Amino acid sequence: MSDPTESTRRQMVQEINAAPGSREYLEAKHGQVWNTTELQQDFAVLGFMAPFVIVARKSDGVKGSLLFQHAPRLYHSFTED
């Protein structure tokens, strides 16, 4: 099965992880940031295709996506579907 987004996502992963930001940097740039524990508290993970994770917000069931970096593993930029 061919994934038309694969080359774009691979490029994004390289860019994000080439210079991963600290939590403080990501918060200043993107707003709210979650570590893995916080993500699990606030969202149900439905799937992922790096650098995206598809989630449903537990408080209201709204589905959306987040971006994440590998190390430190931090999630940000929640976008509702």
N, C-alpha and C. Protein backbone atom coordinates (compact mmCIF):
# COMPACT_ATOMS: atom_id res chain seq x y z
N MET A 1 0.84 -1.18 0.00
CA MET A 1 0.00 0.00 0.00
C MET A 1 0.89 1.24 0.00
N SER A 2 0.67 2.13 -0.91
CA SER A 2 1.46 3.33 -1.05
C SER A 2 0.91 4.45 -0.17
N ASP A 3 1.81 5.17 0.49
CA ASP A 3 1.42 6.29 1.35
C ASP A 3 1.92 7.58 0.71
N PRO A 4 1.02 8.37 0.14
CA PRO A 4 1.44 9.61 -0.54
C PRO A 4 2.03 10.65 0.41
N THR A 5 1.84 10.49 1.72
CA THR A 5 2.38 11.46 2.69
C THR A 5 3.75 11.07 3.24
N GLU A 6 4.23 9.88 2.89
CA GLU A 6 5.44 9.37 3.52
C GLU A 6 6.65 10.27 3.34
N SER A 7 6.94 10.72 2.14
CA SER A 7 8.14 11.55 1.94
C SER A 7 8.02 12.87 2.69
N THR A 8 6.85 13.47 2.71
CA THR A 8 6.66 14.72 3.45
C THR A 8 6.82 14.49 4.94
N ARG A 9 6.24 13.41 5.45
CA ARG A 9 6.36 13.13 6.89
C ARG A 9 7.80 12.83 7.26
N ARG A 10 8.51 12.07 6.44
CA ARG A 10 9.93 11.77 6.72
C ARG A 10 10.75 13.05 6.80
N GLN A 11 10.49 13.97 5.89
CA GLN A 11 11.19 15.26 5.91
C GLN A 11 10.87 16.01 7.20
N MET A 12 9.60 16.03 7.59
CA MET A 12 9.20 16.71 8.82
C MET A 12 9.88 16.09 10.04
N VAL A 13 9.93 14.76 10.09
CA VAL A 13 10.58 14.06 11.20
C VAL A 13 12.04 14.46 11.30
N GLN A 14 12.73 14.49 10.16
CA GLN A 14 14.14 14.89 10.15
C GLN A 14 14.31 16.31 10.67
N GLU A 15 13.47 17.22 10.20
CA GLU A 15 13.57 18.62 10.62
C GLU A 15 13.28 18.79 12.10
N ILE A 16 12.21 18.16 12.57
CA ILE A 16 11.82 18.28 13.98
C ILE A 16 12.90 17.71 14.90
N ASN A 17 13.47 16.57 14.54
CA ASN A 17 14.41 15.89 15.42
C ASN A 17 15.86 16.31 15.21
N ALA A 18 16.13 17.12 14.18
CA ALA A 18 17.50 17.61 13.96
C ALA A 18 17.91 18.57 15.08
N ALA A 19 16.95 19.33 15.56
CA ALA A 19 17.20 20.29 16.64
C ALA A 19 15.98 20.30 17.55
N PRO A 20 15.77 19.22 18.32
CA PRO A 20 14.57 19.17 19.17
C PRO A 20 14.59 20.27 20.22
N GLY A 21 13.42 20.81 20.48
CA GLY A 21 13.31 21.90 21.42
C GLY A 21 13.05 21.43 22.83
N SER A 22 13.39 22.27 23.78
CA SER A 22 13.05 22.01 25.18
C SER A 22 11.56 22.27 25.36
N ARG A 23 11.03 21.85 26.46
CA ARG A 23 9.62 22.10 26.75
C ARG A 23 9.33 23.60 26.73
N GLU A 24 10.19 24.39 27.34
CA GLU A 24 10.00 25.83 27.40
C GLU A 24 10.00 26.45 25.99
N TYR A 25 10.90 26.01 25.16
CA TYR A 25 10.96 26.52 23.78
C TYR A 25 9.68 26.17 23.03
N LEU A 26 9.25 24.90 23.14
CA LEU A 26 8.04 24.48 22.42
C LEU A 26 6.80 25.20 22.93
N GLU A 27 6.73 25.45 24.25
CA GLU A 27 5.59 26.17 24.80
C GLU A 27 5.55 27.60 24.27
N ALA A 28 6.71 28.24 24.18
CA ALA A 28 6.77 29.61 23.66
C ALA A 28 6.38 29.66 22.18
N LYS A 29 6.73 28.63 21.44
CA LYS A 29 6.48 28.60 20.00
C LYS A 29 5.09 28.07 19.64
N HIS A 30 4.60 27.05 20.38
CA HIS A 30 3.38 26.35 19.98
C HIS A 30 2.26 26.37 21.01
N GLY A 31 2.49 26.90 22.19
CA GLY A 31 1.45 26.87 23.23
C GLY A 31 1.59 25.62 24.08
N GLN A 32 0.47 25.00 24.43
CA GLN A 32 0.48 23.88 25.36
C GLN A 32 1.31 22.71 24.82
N VAL A 33 2.06 22.09 25.72
CA VAL A 33 2.92 20.96 25.41
C VAL A 33 2.62 19.85 26.40
N TRP A 34 2.67 18.59 25.94
CA TRP A 34 2.41 17.44 26.79
C TRP A 34 3.59 16.48 26.72
N ASN A 35 3.96 15.90 27.88
CA ASN A 35 4.87 14.77 27.84
C ASN A 35 3.99 13.52 27.69
N THR A 36 4.58 12.35 27.68
CA THR A 36 3.81 11.13 27.44
C THR A 36 2.75 10.89 28.51
N THR A 37 3.08 11.09 29.76
CA THR A 37 2.13 10.89 30.85
C THR A 37 0.97 11.87 30.74
N GLU A 38 1.28 13.13 30.48
CA GLU A 38 0.24 14.15 30.34
C GLU A 38 -0.65 13.87 29.13
N LEU A 39 -0.04 13.41 28.05
CA LEU A 39 -0.81 13.07 26.86
C LEU A 39 -1.83 11.98 27.19
N GLN A 40 -1.39 10.95 27.91
CA GLN A 40 -2.27 9.84 28.27
C GLN A 40 -3.40 10.28 29.20
N GLN A 41 -3.16 11.30 30.00
CA GLN A 41 -4.20 11.82 30.89
C GLN A 41 -5.26 12.60 30.13
N ASP A 42 -4.83 13.36 29.12
CA ASP A 42 -5.74 14.26 28.41
C ASP A 42 -6.34 13.69 27.13
N PHE A 43 -5.69 12.68 26.53
CA PHE A 43 -6.11 12.18 25.23
C PHE A 43 -6.12 10.66 25.18
N ALA A 44 -6.97 10.13 24.33
CA ALA A 44 -6.90 8.72 23.94
C ALA A 44 -6.19 8.70 22.59
N VAL A 45 -5.13 7.93 22.49
CA VAL A 45 -4.38 7.84 21.24
C VAL A 45 -5.08 6.87 20.31
N LEU A 46 -5.38 7.34 19.10
CA LEU A 46 -6.09 6.54 18.12
C LEU A 46 -5.15 5.95 17.07
N GLY A 47 -4.01 6.59 16.87
CA GLY A 47 -3.03 6.10 15.90
C GLY A 47 -1.93 7.12 15.72
N PHE A 48 -0.90 6.70 14.99
CA PHE A 48 0.17 7.66 14.73
C PHE A 48 0.90 7.30 13.44
N MET A 49 1.41 8.32 12.82
CA MET A 49 2.30 8.25 11.67
C MET A 49 3.25 9.43 11.86
N ALA A 50 4.41 9.13 12.40
CA ALA A 50 5.36 10.18 12.76
C ALA A 50 5.47 11.23 11.66
N PRO A 51 5.48 12.48 12.02
CA PRO A 51 5.52 13.07 13.36
C PRO A 51 4.15 13.43 13.92
N PHE A 52 3.11 12.75 13.46
CA PHE A 52 1.75 13.03 13.92
C PHE A 52 1.22 11.91 14.80
N VAL A 53 0.39 12.29 15.76
CA VAL A 53 -0.37 11.32 16.54
C VAL A 53 -1.83 11.77 16.48
N ILE A 54 -2.71 10.82 16.19
CA ILE A 54 -4.14 11.10 16.10
C ILE A 54 -4.76 10.78 17.45
N VAL A 55 -5.55 11.70 17.97
CA VAL A 55 -6.05 11.58 19.34
C VAL A 55 -7.52 11.96 19.43
N ALA A 56 -8.13 11.56 20.54
CA ALA A 56 -9.46 12.05 20.93
C ALA A 56 -9.29 12.65 22.32
N ARG A 57 -9.67 13.90 22.48
CA ARG A 57 -9.55 14.57 23.78
C ARG A 57 -10.55 13.94 24.74
N LYS A 58 -10.08 13.51 25.89
CA LYS A 58 -10.93 12.80 26.85
C LYS A 58 -12.01 13.69 27.44
N SER A 59 -11.76 14.97 27.60
CA SER A 59 -12.73 15.86 28.24
C SER A 59 -14.01 16.03 27.44
N ASP A 60 -13.90 15.96 26.10
CA ASP A 60 -15.10 16.21 25.28
C ASP A 60 -15.20 15.32 24.03
N GLY A 61 -14.24 14.41 23.86
CA GLY A 61 -14.29 13.49 22.72
C GLY A 61 -13.88 14.08 21.39
N VAL A 62 -13.45 15.33 21.37
CA VAL A 62 -13.04 15.96 20.12
C VAL A 62 -11.80 15.26 19.58
N LYS A 63 -11.85 14.90 18.29
CA LYS A 63 -10.71 14.25 17.65
C LYS A 63 -9.83 15.29 17.00
N GLY A 64 -8.55 14.96 16.93
CA GLY A 64 -7.59 15.86 16.32
C GLY A 64 -6.24 15.22 16.20
N SER A 65 -5.23 16.05 15.98
CA SER A 65 -3.87 15.54 15.85
C SER A 65 -2.90 16.43 16.61
N LEU A 66 -1.77 15.84 16.95
CA LEU A 66 -0.67 16.55 17.59
C LEU A 66 0.60 16.22 16.82
N LEU A 67 1.57 17.11 16.87
CA LEU A 67 2.92 16.83 16.39
C LEU A 67 3.75 16.35 17.58
N PHE A 68 4.78 15.55 17.31
CA PHE A 68 5.68 15.18 18.40
C PHE A 68 7.11 15.09 17.92
N GLN A 69 8.02 15.32 18.86
CA GLN A 69 9.44 15.12 18.63
C GLN A 69 9.88 13.91 19.43
N HIS A 70 11.01 13.32 19.00
CA HIS A 70 11.43 12.06 19.60
C HIS A 70 12.06 12.22 20.99
N ALA A 71 13.10 13.05 21.10
CA ALA A 71 13.80 13.14 22.39
C ALA A 71 14.19 14.58 22.68
N PRO A 72 13.68 15.17 23.73
CA PRO A 72 12.71 14.54 24.63
C PRO A 72 11.36 14.39 23.95
N ARG A 73 10.64 13.31 24.27
CA ARG A 73 9.34 13.05 23.64
C ARG A 73 8.34 14.05 24.20
N LEU A 74 7.99 15.00 23.35
CA LEU A 74 7.02 16.03 23.71
C LEU A 74 6.04 16.20 22.56
N TYR A 75 4.80 16.45 22.89
CA TYR A 75 3.71 16.58 21.95
C TYR A 75 3.20 18.02 21.99
N HIS A 76 2.82 18.56 20.84
CA HIS A 76 2.36 19.95 20.79
C HIS A 76 1.50 20.17 19.56
N SER A 77 0.98 21.37 19.43
CA SER A 77 0.24 21.83 18.25
C SER A 77 -1.06 21.03 18.02
N PHE A 78 -1.87 20.88 19.08
CA PHE A 78 -3.14 20.19 18.91
C PHE A 78 -3.99 20.92 17.88
N THR A 79 -4.50 20.17 16.91
CA THR A 79 -5.37 20.71 15.87
C THR A 79 -6.61 19.83 15.81
N GLU A 80 -7.76 20.45 15.99
CA GLU A 80 -9.02 19.70 15.89
C GLU A 80 -9.29 19.31 14.45
N ASP A 81 -9.91 18.15 14.26
CA ASP A 81 -10.33 17.72 12.92
C ASP A 81 -11.54 18.50 12.48
